[in-house]
Amino acid sequence: MLKRIDNFSRFLGVDPFWSRLLIVLIFLLIAVRCKYPWKPEWKSKQTKDKDGSTVTKYYHLDI
């Protein structure tokens, strides 16, 4: 598989080091995203009061 990636990167005129580095970084990103998934902790809601000004309320989500 790396041989095909090397051939393709040489076809594009790029050093194979950069293509391998890109693949490693993508796998690292996937591993970090799986270990630390993003979960929202706060929710905001904008409403208008009697005077017409906007009021923002923040709620803590219990997930």
N, C-alpha and C. Protein backbone atom coordinates (compact mmCIF):
# COMPACT_ATOMS: atom_id res chain seq x y z
N MET A 1 0.82 -1.19 0.00
CA MET A 1 0.00 0.00 0.00
C MET A 1 0.87 1.26 0.00
N LEU A 2 1.93 1.26 0.80
CA LEU A 2 2.81 2.43 0.82
C LEU A 2 3.53 2.61 -0.51
N LYS A 3 3.76 1.50 -1.22
CA LYS A 3 4.41 1.59 -2.52
C LYS A 3 3.52 2.36 -3.50
N ARG A 4 2.21 2.08 -3.44
CA ARG A 4 1.28 2.79 -4.33
C ARG A 4 1.20 4.26 -3.96
N ILE A 5 1.22 4.54 -2.66
CA ILE A 5 1.17 5.93 -2.21
C ILE A 5 2.44 6.67 -2.64
N ASP A 6 3.58 6.00 -2.53
CA ASP A 6 4.84 6.60 -2.98
C ASP A 6 4.81 6.87 -4.48
N ASN A 7 4.31 5.90 -5.24
CA ASN A 7 4.24 6.10 -6.69
C ASN A 7 3.30 7.25 -7.04
N PHE A 8 2.16 7.33 -6.36
CA PHE A 8 1.20 8.40 -6.64
C PHE A 8 1.77 9.76 -6.26
N SER A 9 2.47 9.83 -5.12
CA SER A 9 3.04 11.12 -4.71
C SER A 9 4.16 11.54 -5.65
N ARG A 10 4.94 10.59 -6.15
CA ARG A 10 5.97 10.93 -7.13
C ARG A 10 5.34 11.37 -8.44
N PHE A 11 4.19 10.76 -8.79
CA PHE A 11 3.47 11.17 -9.99
C PHE A 11 3.01 12.62 -9.88
N LEU A 12 2.60 13.02 -8.67
CA LEU A 12 2.18 14.39 -8.44
C LEU A 12 3.36 15.35 -8.29
N GLY A 13 4.55 14.81 -8.13
CA GLY A 13 5.73 15.65 -7.99
C GLY A 13 6.00 16.06 -6.55
N VAL A 14 5.51 15.26 -5.60
CA VAL A 14 5.68 15.56 -4.18
C VAL A 14 6.59 14.50 -3.58
N ASP A 15 7.40 14.90 -2.62
CA ASP A 15 8.27 13.97 -1.92
C ASP A 15 7.41 12.97 -1.13
N PRO A 16 7.70 11.68 -1.18
CA PRO A 16 6.90 10.68 -0.46
C PRO A 16 6.86 10.90 1.06
N PHE A 17 7.83 11.60 1.60
CA PHE A 17 7.83 11.89 3.04
C PHE A 17 6.57 12.66 3.44
N TRP A 18 6.17 13.64 2.64
CA TRP A 18 5.01 14.47 2.98
C TRP A 18 3.71 13.69 2.90
N SER A 19 3.62 12.78 1.95
CA SER A 19 2.40 11.98 1.87
C SER A 19 2.30 11.02 3.06
N ARG A 20 3.42 10.44 3.45
CA ARG A 20 3.41 9.56 4.63
C ARG A 20 3.11 10.35 5.90
N LEU A 21 3.67 11.54 6.01
CA LEU A 21 3.40 12.38 7.17
C LEU A 21 1.92 12.75 7.24
N LEU A 22 1.32 13.04 6.11
CA LEU A 22 -0.10 13.37 6.07
C LEU A 22 -0.95 12.18 6.51
N ILE A 23 -0.62 10.99 6.09
CA ILE A 23 -1.36 9.79 6.49
C ILE A 23 -1.22 9.54 7.99
N VAL A 24 -0.02 9.69 8.52
CA VAL A 24 0.19 9.51 9.96
C VAL A 24 -0.60 10.53 10.75
N LEU A 25 -0.62 11.78 10.31
CA LEU A 25 -1.37 12.81 11.03
C LEU A 25 -2.87 12.57 10.97
N ILE A 26 -3.37 12.05 9.87
CA ILE A 26 -4.79 11.73 9.77
C ILE A 26 -5.15 10.60 10.74
N PHE A 27 -4.33 9.57 10.81
CA PHE A 27 -4.58 8.49 11.76
C PHE A 27 -4.49 8.98 13.20
N LEU A 28 -3.57 9.87 13.48
CA LEU A 28 -3.44 10.43 14.82
C LEU A 28 -4.67 11.26 15.18
N LEU A 29 -5.16 12.04 14.23
CA LEU A 29 -6.37 12.83 14.46
C LEU A 29 -7.56 11.93 14.75
N ILE A 30 -7.70 10.84 14.00
CA ILE A 30 -8.80 9.90 14.22
C ILE A 30 -8.70 9.27 15.61
N ALA A 31 -7.49 8.90 16.02
CA ALA A 31 -7.31 8.28 17.33
C ALA A 31 -7.65 9.26 18.45
N VAL A 32 -7.24 10.51 18.32
CA VAL A 32 -7.53 11.51 19.35
C VAL A 32 -9.02 11.80 19.40
N ARG A 33 -9.67 11.90 18.24
CA ARG A 33 -11.11 12.17 18.22
C ARG A 33 -11.90 11.01 18.83
N CYS A 34 -11.43 9.78 18.67
CA CYS A 34 -12.12 8.64 19.28
C CYS A 34 -11.91 8.61 20.78
N LYS A 35 -10.73 8.97 21.23
CA LYS A 35 -10.45 8.93 22.66
C LYS A 35 -11.10 10.09 23.40
N TYR A 36 -11.14 11.27 22.79
CA TYR A 36 -11.71 12.46 23.42
C TYR A 36 -12.80 13.05 22.51
N PRO A 37 -13.99 12.45 22.52
CA PRO A 37 -15.04 13.00 21.66
C PRO A 37 -15.54 14.34 22.19
N TRP A 38 -15.95 15.19 21.28
CA TRP A 38 -16.45 16.51 21.66
C TRP A 38 -17.90 16.40 22.07
N LYS A 39 -18.23 16.90 23.25
CA LYS A 39 -19.61 16.91 23.73
C LYS A 39 -19.92 18.33 24.20
N PRO A 40 -21.04 18.88 23.78
CA PRO A 40 -21.40 20.22 24.25
C PRO A 40 -21.76 20.20 25.72
N GLU A 41 -21.32 21.22 26.46
CA GLU A 41 -21.61 21.30 27.88
C GLU A 41 -22.59 22.42 28.19
N TRP A 42 -22.67 23.41 27.32
CA TRP A 42 -23.53 24.57 27.56
C TRP A 42 -24.42 24.81 26.36
N LYS A 43 -25.60 25.38 26.63
CA LYS A 43 -26.52 25.75 25.57
C LYS A 43 -26.96 27.19 25.83
N SER A 44 -27.05 27.98 24.79
CA SER A 44 -27.49 29.36 24.96
C SER A 44 -28.80 29.57 24.21
N LYS A 45 -29.63 30.44 24.77
CA LYS A 45 -30.92 30.76 24.16
C LYS A 45 -31.13 32.25 24.27
N GLN A 46 -31.42 32.90 23.14
CA GLN A 46 -31.64 34.34 23.13
C GLN A 46 -33.13 34.63 23.08
N THR A 47 -33.56 35.51 23.97
CA THR A 47 -34.96 35.93 24.01
C THR A 47 -35.00 37.45 24.13
N LYS A 48 -36.18 37.99 23.96
CA LYS A 48 -36.37 39.43 24.12
C LYS A 48 -37.21 39.67 25.37
N ASP A 49 -36.83 40.68 26.13
CA ASP A 49 -37.61 41.00 27.32
C ASP A 49 -38.67 42.05 26.98
N LYS A 50 -39.31 42.58 27.99
CA LYS A 50 -40.41 43.54 27.78
C LYS A 50 -39.94 44.82 27.09
N ASP A 51 -38.73 45.23 27.36
CA ASP A 51 -38.21 46.48 26.78
C ASP A 51 -37.76 46.32 25.33
N GLY A 52 -37.63 45.08 24.85
CA GLY A 52 -37.21 44.85 23.48
C GLY A 52 -35.73 44.53 23.34
N SER A 53 -35.00 44.55 24.44
CA SER A 53 -33.57 44.20 24.36
C SER A 53 -33.41 42.68 24.44
N THR A 54 -32.34 42.18 23.83
CA THR A 54 -32.12 40.74 23.81
C THR A 54 -31.44 40.29 25.09
N VAL A 55 -31.88 39.15 25.56
CA VAL A 55 -31.33 38.55 26.77
C VAL A 55 -30.84 37.15 26.40
N THR A 56 -29.63 36.83 26.77
CA THR A 56 -29.07 35.52 26.49
C THR A 56 -29.02 34.73 27.79
N LYS A 57 -29.63 33.55 27.75
CA LYS A 57 -29.62 32.66 28.91
C LYS A 57 -28.75 31.46 28.57
N TYR A 58 -27.93 31.06 29.52
CA TYR A 58 -27.04 29.91 29.34
C TYR A 58 -27.51 28.78 30.24
N TYR A 59 -27.58 27.59 29.66
CA TYR A 59 -27.99 26.41 30.39
C TYR A 59 -26.86 25.39 30.39
N HIS A 60 -26.67 24.76 31.52
CA HIS A 60 -25.67 23.69 31.63
C HIS A 60 -26.34 22.38 31.28
N LEU A 61 -25.79 21.66 30.30
CA LEU A 61 -26.35 20.38 29.87
C LEU A 61 -25.76 19.26 30.70
N ASP A 62 -26.60 18.42 31.24
CA ASP A 62 -26.15 17.24 32.00
C ASP A 62 -26.20 16.03 31.10
N ILE A 63 -25.07 15.72 30.50
CA ILE A 63 -25.01 14.58 29.57
C ILE A 63 -24.34 13.43 30.25
